[in-house]
Amino acid sequence: YEHINYIGGHASMAQFDDMYDRTITVNGVSKAFAMTGWRIGYIGAPE
C-alpha cells in the first residue's frame, strides 16, 4: 500500500544499513495501480 499514503514520506525498513541484509521488501501493483486481478508481486531481498 506504499503509494496510498496521505501523509507522504513512505519509509522502508531496508533503508537502514544495519537492517538491509535482514529485510525482505515485498511489494506489487495490485493496490496503487488498480491491478488486483493481474497478479504481479515482487520482492527485493538478500541474494
ModelCIF file with pLDDT and N, C-alpha, C, O atoms, coordinates in Angstrom:
data_MODEL
#
_entry.id   MODEL 
#
_entity.id                         1 
_entity.type                       polymer 
_entity.pdbx_number_of_molecules   1 
#
_entity_poly.entity_id                      1 
_entity_poly.type                           'polypeptide(L)' 
_entity_poly.nstd_linkage                   no 
_entity_poly.nstd_monomer                   no 
_entity_poly.pdbx_seq_one_letter_code       YEHINYIGGHASMAQFDDMYDRTITVNGVSKAFAMTGWRIGYIGAPE 
_entity_poly.pdbx_seq_one_letter_code_can   YEHINYIGGHASMAQFDDMYDRTITVNGVSKAFAMTGWRIGYIGAPE 
_entity_poly.pdbx_strand_id                 A 
#
loop_
_entity_poly_seq.entity_id 
_entity_poly_seq.num 
_entity_poly_seq.mon_id 
_entity_poly_seq.hetero 
1 1  TYR n 
1 2  GLU n 
1 3  HIS n 
1 4  ILE n 
1 5  ASN n 
1 6  TYR n 
1 7  ILE n 
1 8  GLY n 
1 9  GLY n 
1 10 HIS n 
1 11 ALA n 
1 12 SER n 
1 13 MET n 
1 14 ALA n 
1 15 GLN n 
1 16 PHE n 
1 17 ASP n 
1 18 ASP n 
1 19 MET n 
1 20 TYR n 
1 21 ASP n 
1 22 ARG n 
1 23 THR n 
1 24 ILE n 
1 25 THR n 
1 26 VAL n 
1 27 ASN n 
1 28 GLY n 
1 29 VAL n 
1 30 SER n 
1 31 LYS n 
1 32 ALA n 
1 33 PHE n 
1 34 ALA n 
1 35 MET n 
1 36 THR n 
1 37 GLY n 
1 38 TRP n 
1 39 ARG n 
1 40 ILE n 
1 41 GLY n 
1 42 TYR n 
1 43 ILE n 
1 44 GLY n 
1 45 ALA n 
1 46 PRO n 
1 47 GLU n 
#
_struct_asym.id          A 
_struct_asym.entity_id   1 
#
loop_
_ma_qa_metric.id 
_ma_qa_metric.mode 
_ma_qa_metric.name 
_ma_qa_metric.software_group_id 
_ma_qa_metric.type 
1 global pLDDT . pLDDT 
2 local  pLDDT . pLDDT 
#
_ma_qa_metric_global.metric_id      1 
_ma_qa_metric_global.metric_value   97.02 
_ma_qa_metric_global.model_id       1 
_ma_qa_metric_global.ordinal_id     1 
#
loop_
_ma_qa_metric_local.label_asym_id 
_ma_qa_metric_local.label_comp_id 
_ma_qa_metric_local.label_seq_id 
_ma_qa_metric_local.metric_id 
_ma_qa_metric_local.metric_value 
_ma_qa_metric_local.model_id 
_ma_qa_metric_local.ordinal_id 
A TYR 1  2 98.00 1 1  
A GLU 2  2 97.00 1 2  
A HIS 3  2 97.00 1 3  
A ILE 4  2 97.00 1 4  
A ASN 5  2 97.00 1 5  
A TYR 6  2 97.00 1 6  
A ILE 7  2 94.00 1 7  
A GLY 8  2 87.00 1 8  
A GLY 9  2 88.00 1 9  
A HIS 10 2 96.00 1 10 
A ALA 11 2 97.00 1 11 
A SER 12 2 98.00 1 12 
A MET 13 2 98.00 1 13 
A ALA 14 2 98.00 1 14 
A GLN 15 2 98.00 1 15 
A PHE 16 2 98.00 1 16 
A ASP 17 2 98.00 1 17 
A ASP 18 2 98.00 1 18 
A MET 19 2 98.00 1 19 
A TYR 20 2 98.00 1 20 
A ASP 21 2 98.00 1 21 
A ARG 22 2 98.00 1 22 
A THR 23 2 98.00 1 23 
A ILE 24 2 98.00 1 24 
A THR 25 2 98.00 1 25 
A VAL 26 2 98.00 1 26 
A ASN 27 2 98.00 1 27 
A GLY 28 2 98.00 1 28 
A VAL 29 2 98.00 1 29 
A SER 30 2 97.00 1 30 
A LYS 31 2 96.00 1 31 
A ALA 32 2 95.00 1 32 
A PHE 33 2 97.00 1 33 
A ALA 34 2 97.00 1 34 
A MET 35 2 97.00 1 35 
A THR 36 2 96.00 1 36 
A GLY 37 2 96.00 1 37 
A TRP 38 2 98.00 1 38 
A ARG 39 2 98.00 1 39 
A ILE 40 2 98.00 1 40 
A GLY 41 2 98.00 1 41 
A TYR 42 2 98.00 1 42 
A ILE 43 2 98.00 1 43 
A GLY 44 2 98.00 1 44 
A ALA 45 2 98.00 1 45 
A PRO 46 2 98.00 1 46 
A GLU 47 2 98.00 1 47 
#
loop_
_atom_site.group_PDB 
_atom_site.id 
_atom_site.type_symbol 
_atom_site.label_atom_id 
_atom_site.label_alt_id 
_atom_site.label_comp_id 
_atom_site.label_asym_id 
_atom_site.label_entity_id 
_atom_site.label_seq_id 
_atom_site.pdbx_PDB_ins_code 
_atom_site.Cartn_x 
_atom_site.Cartn_y 
_atom_site.Cartn_z 
_atom_site.occupancy 
_atom_site.B_iso_or_equiv 
_atom_site.pdbx_formal_charge 
_atom_site.auth_seq_id 
_atom_site.auth_comp_id 
_atom_site.auth_asym_id 
_atom_site.auth_atom_id 
_atom_site.pdbx_PDB_model_num 
ATOM 1   N N  . TYR A 1 1  ? 0.818  -1.217  0.000   1.00 98.00 ? 1  TYR A N  1 
ATOM 2   C CA . TYR A 1 1  ? 0.000  0.000   0.000   1.00 98.00 ? 1  TYR A CA 1 
ATOM 3   C C  . TYR A 1 1  ? 0.856  1.274   0.000   1.00 98.00 ? 1  TYR A C  1 
ATOM 4   O O  . TYR A 1 1  ? 0.355  2.365   0.275   1.00 98.00 ? 1  TYR A O  1 
ATOM 5   N N  . GLU A 1 2  ? 2.119  1.130   -0.303  1.00 97.00 ? 2  GLU A N  1 
ATOM 6   C CA . GLU A 1 2  ? 3.089  2.218   -0.215  1.00 97.00 ? 2  GLU A CA 1 
ATOM 7   C C  . GLU A 1 2  ? 2.583  3.561   -0.758  1.00 97.00 ? 2  GLU A C  1 
ATOM 8   O O  . GLU A 1 2  ? 2.719  4.586   -0.090  1.00 97.00 ? 2  GLU A O  1 
ATOM 9   N N  . HIS A 1 3  ? 2.009  3.562   -1.949  1.00 97.00 ? 3  HIS A N  1 
ATOM 10  C CA . HIS A 1 3  ? 1.635  4.824   -2.587  1.00 97.00 ? 3  HIS A CA 1 
ATOM 11  C C  . HIS A 1 3  ? 0.305  5.382   -2.061  1.00 97.00 ? 3  HIS A C  1 
ATOM 12  O O  . HIS A 1 3  ? -0.008 6.551   -2.284  1.00 97.00 ? 3  HIS A O  1 
ATOM 13  N N  . ILE A 1 4  ? -0.476 4.549   -1.366  1.00 97.00 ? 4  ILE A N  1 
ATOM 14  C CA . ILE A 1 4  ? -1.742 5.035   -0.811  1.00 97.00 ? 4  ILE A CA 1 
ATOM 15  C C  . ILE A 1 4  ? -1.448 5.533   0.600   1.00 97.00 ? 4  ILE A C  1 
ATOM 16  O O  . ILE A 1 4  ? -1.752 4.883   1.600   1.00 97.00 ? 4  ILE A O  1 
ATOM 17  N N  . ASN A 1 5  ? -0.849 6.703   0.630   1.00 97.00 ? 5  ASN A N  1 
ATOM 18  C CA . ASN A 1 5  ? -0.277 7.274   1.842   1.00 97.00 ? 5  ASN A CA 1 
ATOM 19  C C  . ASN A 1 5  ? -0.662 8.751   1.852   1.00 97.00 ? 5  ASN A C  1 
ATOM 20  O O  . ASN A 1 5  ? -0.331 9.487   0.923   1.00 97.00 ? 5  ASN A O  1 
ATOM 21  N N  . TYR A 1 6  ? -1.361 9.186   2.903   1.00 97.00 ? 6  TYR A N  1 
ATOM 22  C CA . TYR A 1 6  ? -1.915 10.535  2.934   1.00 97.00 ? 6  TYR A CA 1 
ATOM 23  C C  . TYR A 1 6  ? -1.026 11.539  3.660   1.00 97.00 ? 6  TYR A C  1 
ATOM 24  O O  . TYR A 1 6  ? -1.362 12.720  3.742   1.00 97.00 ? 6  TYR A O  1 
ATOM 25  N N  . ILE A 1 7  ? 0.101  11.078  4.184   1.00 94.00 ? 7  ILE A N  1 
ATOM 26  C CA . ILE A 1 7  ? 0.996  11.986  4.913   1.00 94.00 ? 7  ILE A CA 1 
ATOM 27  C C  . ILE A 1 7  ? 2.342  12.133  4.221   1.00 94.00 ? 7  ILE A C  1 
ATOM 28  O O  . ILE A 1 7  ? 3.153  12.966  4.624   1.00 94.00 ? 7  ILE A O  1 
ATOM 29  N N  . GLY A 1 8  ? 2.593  11.333  3.180   1.00 87.00 ? 8  GLY A N  1 
ATOM 30  C CA . GLY A 1 8  ? 3.840  11.430  2.437   1.00 87.00 ? 8  GLY A CA 1 
ATOM 31  C C  . GLY A 1 8  ? 5.000  10.816  3.191   1.00 87.00 ? 8  GLY A C  1 
ATOM 32  O O  . GLY A 1 8  ? 4.887  10.502  4.376   1.00 87.00 ? 8  GLY A O  1 
ATOM 33  N N  . GLY A 1 9  ? 6.119  10.645  2.499   1.00 88.00 ? 9  GLY A N  1 
ATOM 34  C CA . GLY A 1 9  ? 7.321  10.174  3.164   1.00 88.00 ? 9  GLY A CA 1 
ATOM 35  C C  . GLY A 1 9  ? 7.280  8.718   3.575   1.00 88.00 ? 9  GLY A C  1 
ATOM 36  O O  . GLY A 1 9  ? 7.609  8.383   4.713   1.00 88.00 ? 9  GLY A O  1 
ATOM 37  N N  . HIS A 1 10 ? 6.872  7.835   2.646   1.00 96.00 ? 10 HIS A N  1 
ATOM 38  C CA . HIS A 1 10 ? 6.882  6.408   2.963   1.00 96.00 ? 10 HIS A CA 1 
ATOM 39  C C  . HIS A 1 10 ? 8.285  5.969   3.377   1.00 96.00 ? 10 HIS A C  1 
ATOM 40  O O  . HIS A 1 10 ? 9.276  6.343   2.751   1.00 96.00 ? 10 HIS A O  1 
ATOM 41  N N  . ALA A 1 11 ? 8.351  5.171   4.439   1.00 97.00 ? 11 ALA A N  1 
ATOM 42  C CA . ALA A 1 11 ? 9.636  4.698   4.959   1.00 97.00 ? 11 ALA A CA 1 
ATOM 43  C C  . ALA A 1 11 ? 9.722  3.180   4.865   1.00 97.00 ? 11 ALA A C  1 
ATOM 44  O O  . ALA A 1 11 ? 8.756  2.473   5.150   1.00 97.00 ? 11 ALA A O  1 
ATOM 45  N N  . SER A 1 12 ? 10.894 2.687   4.460   1.00 98.00 ? 12 SER A N  1 
ATOM 46  C CA . SER A 1 12 ? 11.140 1.245   4.320   1.00 98.00 ? 12 SER A CA 1 
ATOM 47  C C  . SER A 1 12 ? 12.161 0.801   5.359   1.00 98.00 ? 12 SER A C  1 
ATOM 48  O O  . SER A 1 12 ? 13.143 1.503   5.602   1.00 98.00 ? 12 SER A O  1 
ATOM 49  N N  . MET A 1 13 ? 11.940 -0.345  5.968   1.00 98.00 ? 13 MET A N  1 
ATOM 50  C CA . MET A 1 13 ? 12.897 -0.858  6.947   1.00 98.00 ? 13 MET A CA 1 
ATOM 51  C C  . MET A 1 13 ? 14.274 -1.087  6.324   1.00 98.00 ? 13 MET A C  1 
ATOM 52  O O  . MET A 1 13 ? 15.295 -0.891  6.984   1.00 98.00 ? 13 MET A O  1 
ATOM 53  N N  . ALA A 1 14 ? 14.306 -1.501  5.054   1.00 98.00 ? 14 ALA A N  1 
ATOM 54  C CA . ALA A 1 14 ? 15.579 -1.812  4.406   1.00 98.00 ? 14 ALA A CA 1 
ATOM 55  C C  . ALA A 1 14 ? 16.433 -0.580  4.145   1.00 98.00 ? 14 ALA A C  1 
ATOM 56  O O  . ALA A 1 14 ? 17.576 -0.715  3.710   1.00 98.00 ? 14 ALA A O  1 
ATOM 57  N N  . GLN A 1 15 ? 15.907 0.630   4.401   1.00 98.00 ? 15 GLN A N  1 
ATOM 58  C CA . GLN A 1 15 ? 16.694 1.845   4.169   1.00 98.00 ? 15 GLN A CA 1 
ATOM 59  C C  . GLN A 1 15 ? 17.846 1.978   5.161   1.00 98.00 ? 15 GLN A C  1 
ATOM 60  O O  . GLN A 1 15 ? 18.807 2.705   4.907   1.00 98.00 ? 15 GLN A O  1 
ATOM 61  N N  . PHE A 1 16 ? 17.750 1.270   6.301   1.00 98.00 ? 16 PHE A N  1 
ATOM 62  C CA . PHE A 1 16 ? 18.804 1.343   7.310   1.00 98.00 ? 16 PHE A CA 1 
ATOM 63  C C  . PHE A 1 16 ? 19.907 0.339   6.979   1.00 98.00 ? 16 PHE A C  1 
ATOM 64  O O  . PHE A 1 16 ? 19.642 -0.844  6.765   1.00 98.00 ? 16 PHE A O  1 
ATOM 65  N N  . ASP A 1 17 ? 21.133 0.822   6.941   1.00 98.00 ? 17 ASP A N  1 
ATOM 66  C CA . ASP A 1 17 ? 22.248 -0.047  6.545   1.00 98.00 ? 17 ASP A CA 1 
ATOM 67  C C  . ASP A 1 17 ? 22.346 -1.291  7.412   1.00 98.00 ? 17 ASP A C  1 
ATOM 68  O O  . ASP A 1 17 ? 22.695 -2.366  6.924   1.00 98.00 ? 17 ASP A O  1 
ATOM 69  N N  . ASP A 1 18 ? 22.036 -1.149  8.707   1.00 98.00 ? 18 ASP A N  1 
ATOM 70  C CA . ASP A 1 18 ? 22.172 -2.298  9.602   1.00 98.00 ? 18 ASP A CA 1 
ATOM 71  C C  . ASP A 1 18 ? 20.977 -3.253  9.525   1.00 98.00 ? 18 ASP A C  1 
ATOM 72  O O  . ASP A 1 18 ? 20.968 -4.279  10.206  1.00 98.00 ? 18 ASP A O  1 
ATOM 73  N N  . MET A 1 19 ? 19.965 -2.930  8.703   1.00 98.00 ? 19 MET A N  1 
ATOM 74  C CA . MET A 1 19 ? 18.830 -3.834  8.516   1.00 98.00 ? 19 MET A CA 1 
ATOM 75  C C  . MET A 1 19 ? 18.690 -4.316  7.076   1.00 98.00 ? 19 MET A C  1 
ATOM 76  O O  . MET A 1 19 ? 17.897 -5.217  6.800   1.00 98.00 ? 19 MET A O  1 
ATOM 77  N N  . TYR A 1 20 ? 19.446 -3.729  6.162   1.00 98.00 ? 20 TYR A N  1 
ATOM 78  C CA . TYR A 1 20 ? 19.299 -4.039  4.736   1.00 98.00 ? 20 TYR A CA 1 
ATOM 79  C C  . TYR A 1 20 ? 19.461 -5.534  4.451   1.00 98.00 ? 20 TYR A C  1 
ATOM 80  O O  . TYR A 1 20 ? 18.675 -6.112  3.701   1.00 98.00 ? 20 TYR A O  1 
ATOM 81  N N  . ASP A 1 21 ? 20.476 -6.158  5.047   1.00 98.00 ? 21 ASP A N  1 
ATOM 82  C CA . ASP A 1 21 ? 20.748 -7.571  4.774   1.00 98.00 ? 21 ASP A CA 1 
ATOM 83  C C  . ASP A 1 21 ? 19.835 -8.521  5.532   1.00 98.00 ? 21 ASP A C  1 
ATOM 84  O O  . ASP A 1 21 ? 19.970 -9.740  5.422   1.00 98.00 ? 21 ASP A O  1 
ATOM 85  N N  . ARG A 1 22 ? 18.908 -7.964  6.299   1.00 98.00 ? 22 ARG A N  1 
ATOM 86  C CA . ARG A 1 22 ? 17.986 -8.805  7.076   1.00 98.00 ? 22 ARG A CA 1 
ATOM 87  C C  . ARG A 1 22 ? 16.536 -8.493  6.765   1.00 98.00 ? 22 ARG A C  1 
ATOM 88  O O  . ARG A 1 22 ? 15.635 -8.962  7.461   1.00 98.00 ? 22 ARG A O  1 
ATOM 89  N N  . THR A 1 23 ? 16.300 -7.703  5.721   1.00 98.00 ? 23 THR A N  1 
ATOM 90  C CA . THR A 1 23 ? 14.939 -7.291  5.388   1.00 98.00 ? 23 THR A CA 1 
ATOM 91  C C  . THR A 1 23 ? 14.559 -7.783  4.003   1.00 98.00 ? 23 THR A C  1 
ATOM 92  O O  . THR A 1 23 ? 15.318 -7.637  3.045   1.00 98.00 ? 23 THR A O  1 
ATOM 93  N N  . ILE A 1 24 ? 13.365 -8.370  3.915   1.00 98.00 ? 24 ILE A N  1 
ATOM 94  C CA . ILE A 1 24 ? 12.776 -8.734  2.618   1.00 98.00 ? 24 ILE A CA 1 
ATOM 95  C C  . ILE A 1 24 ? 11.648 -7.744  2.369   1.00 98.00 ? 24 ILE A C  1 
ATOM 96  O O  . ILE A 1 24 ? 10.663 -7.718  3.106   1.00 98.00 ? 24 ILE A O  1 
ATOM 97  N N  . THR A 1 25 ? 11.793 -6.933  1.334   1.00 98.00 ? 25 THR A N  1 
ATOM 98  C CA . THR A 1 25 ? 10.787 -5.934  0.998   1.00 98.00 ? 25 THR A CA 1 
ATOM 99  C C  . THR A 1 25 ? 9.828  -6.524  -0.019  1.00 98.00 ? 25 THR A C  1 
ATOM 100 O O  . THR A 1 25 ? 10.230 -6.944  -1.104  1.00 98.00 ? 25 THR A O  1 
ATOM 101 N N  . VAL A 1 26 ? 8.553  -6.552  0.347   1.00 98.00 ? 26 VAL A N  1 
ATOM 102 C CA . VAL A 1 26 ? 7.507  -7.137  -0.504  1.00 98.00 ? 26 VAL A CA 1 
ATOM 103 C C  . VAL A 1 26 ? 6.647  -6.011  -1.060  1.00 98.00 ? 26 VAL A C  1 
ATOM 104 O O  . VAL A 1 26 ? 6.242  -5.107  -0.329  1.00 98.00 ? 26 VAL A O  1 
ATOM 105 N N  . ASN A 1 27 ? 6.371  -6.073  -2.368  1.00 98.00 ? 27 ASN A N  1 
ATOM 106 C CA . ASN A 1 27 ? 5.539  -5.049  -2.973  1.00 98.00 ? 27 ASN A CA 1 
ATOM 107 C C  . ASN A 1 27 ? 4.813  -5.654  -4.171  1.00 98.00 ? 27 ASN A C  1 
ATOM 108 O O  . ASN A 1 27 ? 4.945  -6.846  -4.448  1.00 98.00 ? 27 ASN A O  1 
ATOM 109 N N  . GLY A 1 28 ? 4.056  -4.838  -4.870  1.00 98.00 ? 28 GLY A N  1 
ATOM 110 C CA . GLY A 1 28 ? 3.300  -5.316  -6.018  1.00 98.00 ? 28 GLY A CA 1 
ATOM 111 C C  . GLY A 1 28 ? 2.493  -4.177  -6.609  1.00 98.00 ? 28 GLY A C  1 
ATOM 112 O O  . GLY A 1 28 ? 2.623  -3.028  -6.186  1.00 98.00 ? 28 GLY A O  1 
ATOM 113 N N  . VAL A 1 29 ? 1.665  -4.494  -7.579  1.00 98.00 ? 29 VAL A N  1 
ATOM 114 C CA . VAL A 1 29 ? 0.939  -3.446  -8.306  1.00 98.00 ? 29 VAL A CA 1 
ATOM 115 C C  . VAL A 1 29 ? -0.569 -3.487  -8.072  1.00 98.00 ? 29 VAL A C  1 
ATOM 116 O O  . VAL A 1 29 ? -1.300 -2.678  -8.644  1.00 98.00 ? 29 VAL A O  1 
ATOM 117 N N  . SER A 1 30 ? -1.043 -4.405  -7.250  1.00 97.00 ? 30 SER A N  1 
ATOM 118 C CA . SER A 1 30 ? -2.481 -4.603  -7.109  1.00 97.00 ? 30 SER A CA 1 
ATOM 119 C C  . SER A 1 30 ? -3.208 -3.367  -6.625  1.00 97.00 ? 30 SER A C  1 
ATOM 120 O O  . SER A 1 30 ? -4.250 -3.010  -7.174  1.00 97.00 ? 30 SER A O  1 
ATOM 121 N N  . LYS A 1 31 ? -2.678 -2.705  -5.606  1.00 96.00 ? 31 LYS A N  1 
ATOM 122 C CA . LYS A 1 31 ? -3.437 -1.662  -4.916  1.00 96.00 ? 31 LYS A CA 1 
ATOM 123 C C  . LYS A 1 31 ? -3.289 -0.295  -5.589  1.00 96.00 ? 31 LYS A C  1 
ATOM 124 O O  . LYS A 1 31 ? -4.283 0.293   -6.013  1.00 96.00 ? 31 LYS A O  1 
ATOM 125 N N  . ALA A 1 32 ? -2.070 0.210   -5.689  1.00 95.00 ? 32 ALA A N  1 
ATOM 126 C CA . ALA A 1 32 ? -1.891 1.570   -6.197  1.00 95.00 ? 32 ALA A CA 1 
ATOM 127 C C  . ALA A 1 32 ? -2.259 1.703   -7.669  1.00 95.00 ? 32 ALA A C  1 
ATOM 128 O O  . ALA A 1 32 ? -2.690 2.770   -8.106  1.00 95.00 ? 32 ALA A O  1 
ATOM 129 N N  . PHE A 1 33 ? -2.092 0.626   -8.438  1.00 97.00 ? 33 PHE A N  1 
ATOM 130 C CA . PHE A 1 33 ? -2.365 0.685   -9.877  1.00 97.00 ? 33 PHE A CA 1 
ATOM 131 C C  . PHE A 1 33 ? -3.701 0.053   -10.251 1.00 97.00 ? 33 PHE A C  1 
ATOM 132 O O  . PHE A 1 33 ? -4.019 -0.074  -11.433 1.00 97.00 ? 33 PHE A O  1 
ATOM 133 N N  . ALA A 1 34 ? -4.484 -0.345  -9.247  1.00 97.00 ? 34 ALA A N  1 
ATOM 134 C CA . ALA A 1 34 ? -5.785 -0.988  -9.507  1.00 97.00 ? 34 ALA A CA 1 
ATOM 135 C C  . ALA A 1 34 ? -5.613 -2.189  -10.430 1.00 97.00 ? 34 ALA A C  1 
ATOM 136 O O  . ALA A 1 34 ? -6.289 -2.298  -11.454 1.00 97.00 ? 34 ALA A O  1 
ATOM 137 N N  . MET A 1 35 ? -4.709 -3.084  -10.062 1.00 97.00 ? 35 MET A N  1 
ATOM 138 C CA . MET A 1 35 ? -4.389 -4.249  -10.898 1.00 97.00 ? 35 MET A CA 1 
ATOM 139 C C  . MET A 1 35 ? -4.500 -5.542  -10.104 1.00 97.00 ? 35 MET A C  1 
ATOM 140 O O  . MET A 1 35 ? -3.671 -6.439  -10.261 1.00 97.00 ? 35 MET A O  1 
ATOM 141 N N  . THR A 1 36 ? -5.520 -5.647  -9.249  1.00 96.00 ? 36 THR A N  1 
ATOM 142 C CA . THR A 1 36 ? -5.624 -6.819  -8.372  1.00 96.00 ? 36 THR A CA 1 
ATOM 143 C C  . THR A 1 36 ? -5.643 -8.132  -9.151  1.00 96.00 ? 36 THR A C  1 
ATOM 144 O O  . THR A 1 36 ? -4.989 -9.097  -8.754  1.00 96.00 ? 36 THR A O  1 
ATOM 145 N N  . GLY A 1 37 ? -6.381 -8.175  -10.246 1.00 96.00 ? 37 GLY A N  1 
ATOM 146 C CA . GLY A 1 37 ? -6.511 -9.422  -10.998 1.00 96.00 ? 37 GLY A CA 1 
ATOM 147 C C  . GLY A 1 37 ? -5.339 -9.746  -11.906 1.00 96.00 ? 37 GLY A C  1 
ATOM 148 O O  . GLY A 1 37 ? -5.279 -10.833 -12.481 1.00 96.00 ? 37 GLY A O  1 
ATOM 149 N N  . TRP A 1 38 ? -4.419 -8.823  -12.038 1.00 98.00 ? 38 TRP A N  1 
ATOM 150 C CA . TRP A 1 38 ? -3.258 -9.064  -12.908 1.00 98.00 ? 38 TRP A CA 1 
ATOM 151 C C  . TRP A 1 38 ? -2.234 -9.967  -12.234 1.00 98.00 ? 38 TRP A C  1 
ATOM 152 O O  . TRP A 1 38 ? -1.437 -10.622 -12.905 1.00 98.00 ? 38 TRP A O  1 
ATOM 153 N N  . ARG A 1 39 ? -2.261 -9.998  -10.917 1.00 98.00 ? 39 ARG A N  1 
ATOM 154 C CA . ARG A 1 39 ? -1.470 -10.917 -10.100 1.00 98.00 ? 39 ARG A CA 1 
ATOM 155 C C  . ARG A 1 39 ? 0.039  -10.806 -10.319 1.00 98.00 ? 39 ARG A C  1 
ATOM 156 O O  . ARG A 1 39 ? 0.690  -11.756 -10.753 1.00 98.00 ? 39 ARG A O  1 
ATOM 157 N N  . ILE A 1 40 ? 0.578  -9.630  -10.012 1.00 98.00 ? 40 ILE A N  1 
ATOM 158 C CA . ILE A 1 40 ? 2.027  -9.454  -10.049 1.00 98.00 ? 40 ILE A CA 1 
ATOM 159 C C  . ILE A 1 40 ? 2.496  -8.833  -8.730  1.00 98.00 ? 40 ILE A C  1 
ATOM 160 O O  . ILE A 1 40 ? 2.094  -7.729  -8.363  1.00 98.00 ? 40 ILE A O  1 
ATOM 161 N N  . GLY A 1 41 ? 3.354  -9.573  -8.035  1.00 98.00 ? 41 GLY A N  1 
ATOM 162 C CA . GLY A 1 41 ? 4.030  -9.064  -6.847  1.00 98.00 ? 41 GLY A CA 1 
ATOM 163 C C  . GLY A 1 41 ? 5.521  -9.284  -7.010  1.00 98.00 ? 41 GLY A C  1 
ATOM 164 O O  . GLY A 1 41 ? 5.951  -9.971  -7.937  1.00 98.00 ? 41 GLY A O  1 
ATOM 165 N N  . TYR A 1 42 ? 6.314  -8.709  -6.116  1.00 98.00 ? 42 TYR A N  1 
ATOM 166 C CA . TYR A 1 42 ? 7.760  -8.879  -6.240  1.00 98.00 ? 42 TYR A CA 1 
ATOM 167 C C  . TYR A 1 42 ? 8.436  -8.624  -4.905  1.00 98.00 ? 42 TYR A C  1 
ATOM 168 O O  . TYR A 1 42 ? 7.862  -8.001  -4.012  1.00 98.00 ? 42 TYR A O  1 
ATOM 169 N N  . ILE A 1 43 ? 9.660  -9.112  -4.781  1.00 98.00 ? 43 ILE A N  1 
ATOM 170 C CA . ILE A 1 43 ? 10.460 -8.860  -3.588  1.00 98.00 ? 43 ILE A CA 1 
ATOM 171 C C  . ILE A 1 43 ? 11.823 -8.305  -3.973  1.00 98.00 ? 43 ILE A C  1 
ATOM 172 O O  . ILE A 1 43 ? 12.343 -8.566  -5.058  1.00 98.00 ? 43 ILE A O  1 
ATOM 173 N N  . GLY A 1 44 ? 12.387 -7.526  -3.047  1.00 98.00 ? 44 GLY A N  1 
ATOM 174 C CA . GLY A 1 44 ? 13.799 -7.192  -3.042  1.00 98.00 ? 44 GLY A CA 1 
ATOM 175 C C  . GLY A 1 44 ? 14.351 -7.795  -1.764  1.00 98.00 ? 44 GLY A C  1 
ATOM 176 O O  . GLY A 1 44 ? 13.831 -7.527  -0.681  1.00 98.00 ? 44 GLY A O  1 
ATOM 177 N N  . ALA A 1 45 ? 15.397 -8.609  -1.871  1.00 98.00 ? 45 ALA A N  1 
ATOM 178 C CA . ALA A 1 45 ? 15.820 -9.385  -0.706  1.00 98.00 ? 45 ALA A CA 1 
ATOM 179 C C  . ALA A 1 45 ? 17.319 -9.669  -0.763  1.00 98.00 ? 45 ALA A C  1 
ATOM 180 O O  . ALA A 1 45 ? 17.939 -9.524  -1.817  1.00 98.00 ? 45 ALA A O  1 
ATOM 181 N N  . PRO A 1 46 ? 17.899 -10.072 0.360   1.00 98.00 ? 46 PRO A N  1 
ATOM 182 C CA . PRO A 1 46 ? 19.262 -10.598 0.310   1.00 98.00 ? 46 PRO A CA 1 
ATOM 183 C C  . PRO A 1 46 ? 19.348 -11.695 -0.750  1.00 98.00 ? 46 PRO A C  1 
ATOM 184 O O  . PRO A 1 46 ? 18.430 -12.503 -0.893  1.00 98.00 ? 46 PRO A O  1 
ATOM 185 N N  . GLU A 1 47 ? 20.445 -11.717 -1.484  1.00 98.00 ? 47 GLU A N  1 
ATOM 186 C CA . GLU A 1 47 ? 20.525 -12.588 -2.662  1.00 98.00 ? 47 GLU A CA 1 
ATOM 187 C C  . GLU A 1 47 ? 20.269 -14.062 -2.324  1.00 98.00 ? 47 GLU A C  1 
ATOM 188 O O  . GLU A 1 47 ? 20.303 -14.914 -3.212  1.00 98.00 ? 47 GLU A O  1 
#
